[in-house]
C-alpha atoms as a PDB file:
ATOM      1  CA  MET A   1       1.454  -0.516 -19.210  1.00  0.00           C
ATOM      2  CA  SER A   2       2.466  -1.677 -22.647  1.00  0.00           C
ATOM      3  CA  ASN A   3       6.123  -0.915 -23.341  1.00  0.00           C
ATOM      4  CA  CYS A   4       9.237  -2.039 -21.488  1.00  0.00           C
ATOM      5  CA  ILE A   5      11.184   1.112 -21.099  1.00  0.00           C
ATOM      6  CA  ASP A   6      14.249   0.016 -19.149  1.00  0.00           C
ATOM      7  CA  PHE A   7      16.013  -2.797 -17.344  1.00  0.00           C
ATOM      8  CA  ALA A   8      17.955  -2.651 -14.076  1.00  0.00           C
ATOM      9  CA  THR A   9      19.675  -4.813 -11.646  1.00  0.00           C
ATOM     10  CA  LEU A  10      19.985  -4.419  -7.852  1.00  0.00           C
ATOM     11  CA  THR A  11      22.222  -6.307  -5.437  1.00  0.00           C
ATOM     12  CA  VAL A  12      20.424  -6.859  -2.138  1.00  0.00           C
ATOM     13  CA  SER A  13      22.692  -7.361   0.940  1.00  0.00           C
ATOM     14  CA  THR A  14      22.471  -6.975   4.721  1.00  0.00           C
ATOM     15  CA  THR A  15      21.797  -3.201   4.431  1.00  0.00           C
ATOM     16  CA  ALA A  16      18.338  -2.253   3.136  1.00  0.00           C
ATOM     17  CA  ASN A  17      18.159  -0.473  -0.152  1.00  0.00           C
ATOM     18  CA  GLY A  18      15.598   0.324  -2.789  1.00  0.00           C
ATOM     19  CA  LEU A  19      14.979   0.618  -6.518  1.00  0.00           C
ATOM     20  CA  ILE A  20      16.366   4.198  -6.298  1.00  0.00           C
ATOM     21  CA  SER A  21      19.695   2.440  -5.718  1.00  0.00           C
ATOM     22  CA  GLY A  22      19.394   0.360  -8.918  1.00  0.00           C
ATOM     23  CA  SER A  23      21.419   0.754 -11.976  1.00  0.00           C
ATOM     24  CA  PRO A  24      19.837   2.598 -13.761  1.00  0.00           C
ATOM     25  CA  THR A  25      17.441   4.177 -11.204  1.00  0.00           C
ATOM     26  CA  ILE A  26      13.662   4.203 -11.707  1.00  0.00           C
ATOM     27  CA  PRO A  27      12.737   5.983 -15.025  1.00  0.00           C
ATOM     28  CA  SER A  28      10.593   8.975 -14.448  1.00  0.00           C
ATOM     29  CA  GLN A  29       7.940   7.596 -16.986  1.00  0.00           C
ATOM     30  CA  ALA A  30       7.719   4.251 -15.272  1.00  0.00           C
ATOM     31  CA  LYS A  31       4.150   3.316 -14.281  1.00  0.00           C
ATOM     32  CA  GLY A  32       5.020  -0.161 -13.062  1.00  0.00           C
ATOM     33  CA  CYS A  33       7.660  -2.932 -12.893  1.00  0.00           C
ATOM     34  CA  ILE A  34       8.288  -6.629 -12.636  1.00  0.00           C
ATOM     35  CA  ILE A  35      11.031  -7.669 -10.221  1.00  0.00           C
ATOM     36  CA  VAL A  36      12.559 -11.212 -10.306  1.00  0.00           C
ATOM     37  CA  THR A  37      14.705 -12.536  -7.481  1.00  0.00           C
ATOM     38  CA  GLU A  38      17.412 -14.311  -9.439  1.00  0.00           C
ATOM     39  CA  THR A  39      19.363 -15.534  -6.419  1.00  0.00           C
ATOM     40  CA  GLU A  40      18.727 -15.861  -2.693  1.00  0.00           C
ATOM     41  CA  LYS A  41      15.813 -14.978  -0.453  1.00  0.00           C
ATOM     42  CA  ILE A  42      14.840 -11.354   0.381  1.00  0.00           C
ATOM     43  CA  ARG A  43      12.463  -9.332   2.544  1.00  0.00           C
ATOM     44  CA  TRP A  44      10.707  -6.239   1.258  1.00  0.00           C
ATOM     45  CA  ARG A  45       8.422  -3.486   2.282  1.00  0.00           C
ATOM     46  CA  ALA A  46       6.563  -0.774   0.242  1.00  0.00           C
ATOM     47  CA  ASP A  47       5.812   1.900   2.818  1.00  0.00           C
ATOM     48  CA  GLY A  48       9.346   3.437   2.698  1.00  0.00           C
ATOM     49  CA  THR A  49      10.462   1.644   5.883  1.00  0.00           C
ATOM     50  CA  ASN A  50      13.446  -0.660   5.819  1.00  0.00           C
ATOM     51  CA  PRO A  51      12.604  -4.291   6.257  1.00  0.00           C
ATOM     52  CA  GLY A  52      14.794  -6.271   8.632  1.00  0.00           C
ATOM     53  CA  SER A  53      16.561  -9.535   7.794  1.00  0.00           C
ATOM     54  CA  SER A  54      13.715 -11.479   9.436  1.00  0.00           C
ATOM     55  CA  THR A  55      10.847  -8.995   9.086  1.00  0.00           C
ATOM     56  CA  GLY A  56       8.939  -7.572   6.106  1.00  0.00           C
ATOM     57  CA  VAL A  57       7.438  -9.504   3.280  1.00  0.00           C
ATOM     58  CA  TYR A  58       9.362 -12.712   2.414  1.00  0.00           C
ATOM     59  CA  LEU A  59      10.179 -13.381  -1.240  1.00  0.00           C
ATOM     60  CA  ALA A  60      11.895 -16.609  -2.224  1.00  0.00           C
ATOM     61  CA  ALA A  61      14.654 -16.943  -4.800  1.00  0.00           C
ATOM     62  CA  ALA A  62      13.370 -17.208  -8.376  1.00  0.00           C
ATOM     63  CA  SER A  63      10.140 -15.394  -7.431  1.00  0.00           C
ATOM     64  CA  THR A  64       8.397 -12.487  -9.091  1.00  0.00           C
ATOM     65  CA  LEU A  65       7.084  -9.322  -7.598  1.00  0.00           C
ATOM     66  CA  THR A  66       4.790  -7.314  -9.918  1.00  0.00           C
ATOM     67  CA  PHE A  67       3.554  -3.755  -9.625  1.00  0.00           C
ATOM     68  CA  ASP A  68       1.402  -3.106 -12.701  1.00  0.00           C
ATOM     69  CA  SER A  69      -2.012  -2.112 -14.002  1.00  0.00           C
ATOM     70  CA  TRP A  70      -2.832  -5.784 -14.836  1.00  0.00           C
ATOM     71  CA  SER A  71      -2.836  -6.896 -11.264  1.00  0.00           C
ATOM     72  CA  ALA A  72      -4.624  -3.916  -9.672  1.00  0.00           C
ATOM     73  CA  PRO A  73      -6.620  -0.967 -10.930  1.00  0.00           C
ATOM     74  CA  HIS A  74      -3.805   1.501 -10.490  1.00  0.00           C
ATOM     75  CA  ASN A  75      -2.253   3.296 -13.479  1.00  0.00           C
ATOM     76  CA  ASN A  76       0.871   4.720 -11.888  1.00  0.00           C
ATOM     77  CA  TRP A  77       2.996   2.913  -9.331  1.00  0.00           C
ATOM     78  CA  GLN A  78       5.816   5.565  -9.288  1.00  0.00           C
ATOM     79  CA  SER A  79       5.447   6.448  -5.663  1.00  0.00           C
ATOM     80  CA  VAL A  80       5.251   2.827  -4.611  1.00  0.00           C
ATOM     81  CA  LEU A  81       8.411   2.028  -6.635  1.00  0.00           C
ATOM     82  CA  GLN A  82      10.215   4.912  -4.937  1.00  0.00           C
ATOM     83  CA  ASN A  83       9.241   3.560  -1.497  1.00  0.00           C
ATOM     84  CA  LEU A  84      10.202  -0.078  -2.078  1.00  0.00           C
ATOM     85  CA  ARG A  85      13.014  -1.289   0.141  1.00  0.00           C
ATOM     86  CA  PHE A  86      14.808  -4.747   0.109  1.00  0.00           C
ATOM     87  CA  VAL A  87      17.197  -6.599   2.345  1.00  0.00           C
ATOM     88  CA  ARG A  88      18.683 -10.043   2.247  1.00  0.00           C
ATOM     89  CA  ASP A  89      16.832 -12.607   4.356  1.00  0.00           C
ATOM     90  CA  THR A  90      18.579 -13.925   7.467  1.00  0.00           C
ATOM     91  CA  ALA A  91      18.704 -17.449   6.031  1.00  0.00           C
ATOM     92  CA  SER A  92      20.527 -16.356   2.881  1.00  0.00           C
ATOM     93  CA  ALA A  93      24.199 -17.044   2.812  1.00  0.00           C
ATOM     94  CA  ALA A  94      25.001 -14.605  -0.094  1.00  0.00           C
ATOM     95  CA  ASP A  95      23.676 -11.327  -1.503  1.00  0.00           C
ATOM     96  CA  ALA A  96      20.621 -11.486  -3.696  1.00  0.00           C
ATOM     97  CA  LYS A  97      20.331 -10.166  -7.234  1.00  0.00           C
ATOM     98  CA  LEU A  98      17.137  -8.566  -8.525  1.00  0.00           C
ATOM     99  CA  ASN A  99      16.325  -8.126 -12.190  1.00  0.00           C
ATOM    100  CA  ILE A 100      13.917  -5.312 -12.872  1.00  0.00           C
ATOM    101  CA  HIS A 101      11.942  -4.512 -15.998  1.00  0.00           C
ATOM    102  CA  TYR A 102      10.167  -1.050 -16.002  1.00  0.00           C
ATOM    103  CA  PHE A 103       7.096  -0.440 -18.000  1.00  0.00           C
ATOM    104  CA  ASP A 104       5.185   2.764 -19.088  1.00  0.00           C
END
């Protein structure tokens, strides 16, 4: 991954959704991404199953989630990116906002 090819945002609420719901959606040439939780806590899963408001992997506000070839010997995260699902954590009072940078 060397070039930032797109930027998207995603609002995460009480109904689970994924990057395929972002604006814009996952670029076909994306091989990885960096996701930053701008506001509120979320839960996420990468197996295509929806997380619950108190189940799944916890990610605090202002945290970063990275899927790239720098952190693991994997040169194409496209299937993982398509399977990612997010939901607002039970303790959050408002919807979360994710900022997503896609890389090739």
